[in-house]
Protein backbone atom coordinates (compact mmCIF):
# COMPACT_ATOMS: atom_id res chain seq x y z
CA MET A 1 -11.02 -32.79 11.15
CA SER A 2 -9.73 -36.29 10.08
CA ASP A 3 -10.99 -37.83 6.84
CA LEU A 4 -11.23 -41.11 8.33
CA THR A 5 -14.74 -42.62 8.55
CA ASP A 6 -15.90 -44.87 11.46
CA ASP A 7 -15.11 -47.88 9.39
CA HIS A 8 -11.67 -46.83 8.59
CA VAL A 9 -10.96 -46.45 12.33
CA ARG A 10 -12.21 -50.10 12.93
CA THR A 11 -10.19 -51.63 10.06
CA ILE A 12 -6.99 -49.80 11.53
CA LEU A 13 -7.68 -50.94 14.95
CA LYS A 14 -8.70 -54.20 14.41
CA GLN A 15 -5.19 -55.60 14.53
CA HIS A 16 -4.13 -53.24 17.63
CA ARG A 17 -7.13 -54.14 20.22
CA ASP A 18 -5.64 -54.18 23.59
CA GLY A 19 -8.38 -54.98 25.86
CA GLY A 20 -8.40 -51.25 27.15
CA PRO A 21 -9.09 -48.03 25.49
CA ILE A 22 -8.20 -49.14 21.83
CA SER A 23 -10.36 -51.83 22.28
CA ARG A 24 -13.16 -49.87 23.31
CA LEU A 25 -12.72 -47.39 20.39
CA TYR A 26 -12.73 -50.30 18.10
CA ALA A 27 -15.86 -52.01 19.63
CA THR A 28 -18.02 -49.08 20.66
CA GLY A 29 -16.52 -45.95 19.28
CA GLU A 30 -16.08 -44.85 22.96
CA ILE A 31 -13.21 -42.16 23.30
CA GLU A 32 -12.00 -41.55 26.92
CA ALA A 33 -9.24 -39.36 28.22
CA ASP A 34 -7.06 -42.53 28.01
CA THR A 35 -7.76 -43.13 24.49
CA VAL A 36 -5.30 -40.69 22.81
CA PRO A 37 -2.39 -41.69 25.11
CA ALA A 38 -2.97 -45.27 24.58
CA LEU A 39 -2.93 -44.84 20.70
CA GLY A 40 0.37 -42.69 20.95
CA MET A 41 2.00 -45.15 23.07
CA LEU A 42 1.28 -47.85 20.54
CA SER A 43 2.29 -45.42 17.51
CA THR A 44 5.50 -44.88 19.29
CA GLN A 45 6.06 -48.78 19.72
CA LEU A 46 5.21 -49.32 16.25
CA GLU A 47 7.77 -46.80 14.99
CA GLU A 48 10.42 -48.33 17.17
CA ASP A 49 9.60 -51.60 15.72
CA GLY A 50 9.92 -50.35 12.22
CA ARG A 51 6.29 -50.64 11.43
CA HIS A 52 6.25 -46.98 10.17
CA GLU A 53 3.07 -47.44 8.14
CA ASP A 54 0.98 -48.82 10.93
CA ALA A 55 2.38 -45.99 13.04
CA GLU A 56 1.20 -43.49 10.52
CA GLN A 57 -1.99 -44.88 10.52
CA LEU A 58 -2.42 -44.77 14.01
CA GLY A 59 -1.47 -41.26 13.88
CA ASP A 60 -4.57 -40.73 11.64
CA VAL A 61 -6.86 -42.26 14.16
CA ILE A 62 -5.31 -40.03 16.87
CA GLY A 63 -6.31 -37.10 14.90
CA TYR A 64 -9.88 -38.41 14.55
CA ALA A 65 -10.01 -39.14 17.98
CA LEU A 66 -8.80 -35.51 18.78
CA SER A 67 -11.47 -34.03 16.48
CA ALA A 68 -14.37 -36.14 17.96
CA GLY A 69 -13.24 -35.48 21.52
CA GLU A 70 -14.30 -37.50 24.56
CA ARG A 71 -17.53 -39.36 23.99
CA PRO A 72 -19.51 -42.45 25.47
CA PRO A 73 -20.02 -45.39 23.44
CA VAL A 74 -21.97 -44.71 20.09
CA ALA A 75 -25.35 -46.20 19.65
CA GLY A 76 -24.99 -48.30 16.67
CA TRP A 77 -21.45 -48.11 15.92
CA VAL A 78 -20.92 -51.65 14.66
CA ALA A 79 -24.48 -51.86 13.10
CA LYS A 80 -23.84 -48.42 11.04
CA LEU A 81 -20.66 -49.86 9.33
């Protein structure tokens, strides 16, 4: 299980919102089948761009998403932070 909190996930994802699954995880906590692949593609792009620390942080978010599994939007996601 990932050691990331919901707040850490939002902090990491804030700069990577894409208008799709990454944005939904950031805004609502929702994790769908396309969330992990989107995170993986972004992590790969960041690695290719030399942004290794950002890619590593996204790897942590991938672990968080895999541990949590697919889920609908989380009630109070923003309010509980």
